[in-house]
Every structure is written in structure tokens, then in C-alpha cells.
């Protein structure tokens, strides 16, 4: 069992290391999500989207005084942002 866990640990280390190096090359070479046009669109949309979500969170929280439950807005907003960016990538 100990040997199996050691092999799994080494395998995971090698996979993570290779992925980190590959993503670093993509950033340096500006490929995929890191090209200049994609970054410009993501910055513009992201700035507006997160400002609106922050305003909505504060508005809902102050009006309802339900601070214990309104934090749920943030995970939902994150999922919606991922869906929005994926939709915009499909359109272009």
C-alpha cells in the first residue's frame, strides 16, 4: 500500500509539473486564452460583470440583512461568469 501511494504521488507530481510548464509557455507565447484580443475582451467584460455583481450583493445584503445567506451570490456569480465567457468564446 505504501509503494502504491508513493507511485501515485510521483505520478501526480509529474503531471502537475508538466501542466504548469505548458501553461507558462502559453502565457509567454500568448496562445489560447492568453492572446491579446481574448485578454482585452475578458478584462472589459470582467470589470463590468464583477462591479455589477458587487453592487447586487451589497444591495441584496443591506436590504434583506441576511448576511448569513447572501454569500451564496458569489459562487453563483462565478459559475455564471464562466458560462458567460464560454458563450462569448463560442460566438467568436
Protein backbone atom coordinates (compact mmCIF):
# COMPACT_ATOMS: atom_id res chain seq x y z
CA UNK A 1 0.00 0.00 0.00
CA UNK A 2 2.83 2.38 0.82
CA UNK A 3 4.54 1.71 -2.52
CA UNK A 4 1.27 2.31 -4.36
CA UNK A 5 0.80 5.67 -2.66
CA UNK A 6 4.38 6.62 -3.49
CA UNK A 7 3.83 5.80 -7.17
CA UNK A 8 0.61 7.82 -7.21
CA UNK A 9 2.38 10.76 -5.55
CA UNK A 10 5.20 10.69 -8.11
CA UNK A 11 2.70 10.44 -10.99
CA UNK A 12 0.66 13.38 -9.72
CA UNK A 13 3.82 15.43 -9.22
CA UNK A 14 4.96 14.79 -12.80
CA UNK A 15 1.53 15.63 -14.27
CA UNK A 16 1.21 18.86 -12.28
CA UNK A 17 4.75 19.91 -13.13
CA UNK A 18 4.21 19.30 -16.87
CA UNK A 19 0.91 21.22 -16.86
CA UNK A 20 2.48 24.18 -15.05
CA UNK A 21 5.27 24.36 -17.60
CA UNK A 22 2.83 24.07 -20.52
CA UNK A 23 0.56 26.81 -19.17
CA UNK A 24 3.61 29.01 -18.61
CA UNK A 25 4.58 28.62 -22.25
CA UNK A 26 1.04 29.51 -23.33
CA UNK A 27 1.20 32.71 -21.30
CA UNK A 28 4.61 33.66 -22.69
CA UNK A 29 3.65 32.85 -26.29
CA UNK A 30 0.18 34.44 -25.91
CA UNK A 31 -1.75 31.39 -27.13
CA UNK A 32 -5.31 30.30 -26.41
CA UNK A 33 -6.97 32.31 -23.64
CA UNK A 34 -3.86 34.44 -23.28
CA UNK A 35 -3.81 36.18 -26.66
CA UNK A 36 -4.20 39.93 -26.62
CA UNK A 37 -7.70 40.04 -28.11
CA UNK A 38 -9.07 37.49 -25.62
CA UNK A 39 -7.46 39.30 -22.70
CA UNK A 40 -8.94 42.63 -23.81
CA UNK A 41 -12.45 41.16 -24.06
CA UNK A 42 -12.12 39.34 -20.72
CA UNK A 43 -10.88 42.48 -18.98
CA UNK A 44 -13.67 44.64 -20.35
CA UNK A 45 -16.45 42.16 -19.61
CA UNK A 46 -14.96 41.05 -16.31
CA UNK A 47 -14.70 44.58 -14.96
CA UNK A 48 -18.31 45.38 -15.73
CA UNK A 49 -19.63 41.98 -14.61
CA UNK A 50 -17.90 41.91 -11.23
CA UNK A 51 -18.80 45.53 -10.49
CA UNK A 52 -22.46 44.73 -11.14
CA UNK A 53 -22.25 41.57 -9.01
CA UNK A 54 -20.66 43.51 -6.14
CA UNK A 55 -23.39 46.14 -6.30
CA UNK A 56 -26.08 43.44 -6.42
CA UNK A 57 -24.55 41.63 -3.44
CA UNK A 58 -24.40 44.77 -1.35
CA UNK A 59 -27.92 45.81 -2.34
CA UNK A 60 -29.43 42.42 -1.53
CA UNK A 61 -27.45 42.08 1.69
CA UNK A 62 -28.31 45.53 3.04
CA UNK A 63 -31.98 45.30 2.07
CA UNK A 64 -32.54 41.80 3.45
CA UNK A 65 -29.98 41.90 6.28
CA UNK A 66 -29.45 38.23 5.50
CA UNK A 67 -25.67 38.28 5.56
CA UNK A 68 -25.57 34.63 6.59
CA UNK A 69 -27.16 33.51 3.31
CA UNK A 70 -26.38 36.21 0.75
CA UNK A 71 -22.80 34.97 0.38
CA UNK A 72 -24.29 32.39 -1.99
CA UNK A 73 -24.33 35.13 -4.61
CA UNK A 74 -20.54 34.79 -5.07
CA UNK A 75 -20.36 31.10 -6.09
CA UNK A 76 -23.38 31.57 -8.36
CA UNK A 77 -21.78 34.68 -9.89
CA UNK A 78 -18.55 32.74 -10.52
CA UNK A 79 -20.40 29.95 -12.31
CA UNK A 80 -22.39 32.45 -14.37
CA UNK A 81 -19.19 34.28 -15.30
CA UNK A 82 -17.67 31.05 -16.57
CA UNK A 83 -20.81 30.36 -18.60
CA UNK A 84 -20.81 33.92 -19.97
CA UNK A 85 -17.18 33.74 -21.09
CA UNK A 86 -17.74 30.31 -22.66
CA UNK A 87 -20.78 31.65 -24.52
CA UNK A 88 -18.82 34.64 -25.80
CA UNK A 89 -15.99 32.37 -26.98
CA UNK A 90 -18.48 30.27 -28.95
CA UNK A 91 -19.88 33.38 -30.65
CA UNK A 92 -16.48 34.49 -31.93
